[in-house]
Protein backbone atom coordinates (compact mmCIF):
# COMPACT_ATOMS: atom_id res chain seq x y z
CA MET A 1 -0.04 -19.72 -5.12
CA THR A 2 -3.41 -18.22 -4.25
CA ASN A 3 -4.34 -14.25 -4.72
CA SER A 4 -4.03 -12.29 -1.96
CA THR A 5 -6.26 -8.59 -2.09
CA TYR A 6 -4.46 -5.61 -0.61
CA THR A 7 -6.12 -1.59 0.04
CA ILE A 8 -3.90 0.59 -0.52
CA ILE A 9 -3.22 4.35 0.23
CA LEU A 10 -2.00 6.96 -3.52
CA GLU A 11 -1.59 10.22 -2.12
CA PRO A 12 0.39 12.33 -4.03
CA ALA A 13 3.96 13.51 -3.54
CA GLU A 14 4.84 17.12 -2.48
CA GLU A 15 7.55 16.77 -5.68
CA GLY A 16 5.50 14.78 -7.67
CA GLY A 17 4.03 11.28 -8.59
CA PHE A 18 2.31 9.56 -5.62
CA ILE A 19 3.15 7.90 -2.29
CA VAL A 20 1.39 4.27 -1.79
CA THR A 21 0.72 3.07 1.23
CA VAL A 22 -0.22 -0.51 2.72
CA PRO A 23 -2.75 -0.34 6.03
CA ALA A 24 -1.89 -3.95 6.70
CA LEU A 25 1.51 -4.01 5.57
CA PRO A 26 3.33 -1.13 6.66
CA GLU A 27 6.68 -2.60 5.38
CA ALA A 28 5.43 -2.93 1.55
CA GLY A 29 5.47 0.97 1.23
CA THR A 30 6.82 2.12 -1.85
CA GLN A 31 6.30 5.42 -4.87
CA GLY A 32 5.88 6.31 -8.69
CA GLU A 33 6.56 8.79 -10.68
CA THR A 34 2.61 8.19 -12.50
CA ARG A 35 -0.32 6.88 -11.06
CA GLY A 36 0.59 3.16 -13.11
CA GLU A 37 4.24 3.34 -12.36
CA ALA A 38 3.11 3.66 -7.95
CA LEU A 39 0.37 0.84 -8.73
CA ALA A 40 3.33 -1.55 -10.80
CA ASN A 41 5.77 -1.03 -7.66
CA ALA A 42 2.67 -0.75 -5.33
CA ARG A 43 2.51 -4.87 -6.53
CA GLU A 44 5.61 -5.88 -6.18
CA ALA A 45 6.18 -4.21 -3.25
CA ILE A 46 3.81 -6.30 -1.99
CA ALA A 47 4.89 -9.65 -3.45
CA LEU A 48 7.74 -9.26 -2.01
CA VAL A 49 6.14 -8.71 1.67
CA ILE A 50 4.09 -11.76 1.26
CA GLU A 51 6.91 -14.27 -0.04
CA ASP A 52 8.87 -12.15 3.10
CA ARG A 53 6.87 -13.47 5.44
CA LEU A 54 5.53 -16.30 4.03
CA SER A 55 9.20 -17.38 4.03
CA ARG A 56 9.55 -16.68 7.47
CA GLY A 57 6.16 -19.13 9.10
CA GLU A 58 3.59 -15.29 9.43
CA VAL A 59 0.42 -15.54 8.68
CA LEU A 60 -0.10 -13.17 6.60
CA PRO A 61 -2.66 -10.40 7.97
CA ALA A 62 -5.81 -9.80 6.82
CA ASP A 63 -6.93 -6.85 4.64
CA ILE A 64 -8.08 -3.34 6.04
CA LYS A 65 -10.40 -0.83 5.01
CA PRO A 66 -9.18 2.24 6.48
CA GLU A 67 -11.48 5.13 6.73
CA VAL A 68 -11.78 8.22 5.08
CA GLU A 69 -13.38 11.57 6.36
CA ARG A 70 -13.50 15.40 5.80
CA VAL A 71 -14.21 17.64 8.10
CA THR A 72 -14.20 21.50 7.63
CA ILE A 73 -11.98 23.61 10.30
CA ALA A 74 -13.73 27.02 10.35
CA SER A 75 -10.62 29.65 10.14
C-alpha cells in the first residue's frame, strides 16, 4: 500500500469540538471532541473511503488544496 496525503479542514463546531471536511473526498467528513480526536477520526474516515473506492476499482483523486481568504465588510 502506498501513502496518500489529503488536505483536511478543521472547523470549530458551535457545540464544541471540531468538524472535519476533506475537499478531495467529500464523503470522508467526520468530527471530534478535541483536535486530536478529530485528526484521528479524519485519518480513519479517509482510510475507509480509500479502501471503498479502490474495492470498486475507482481511481483516487488528487489532493485539493483549498485557498483561504479573509474579507472585511464595512458595517
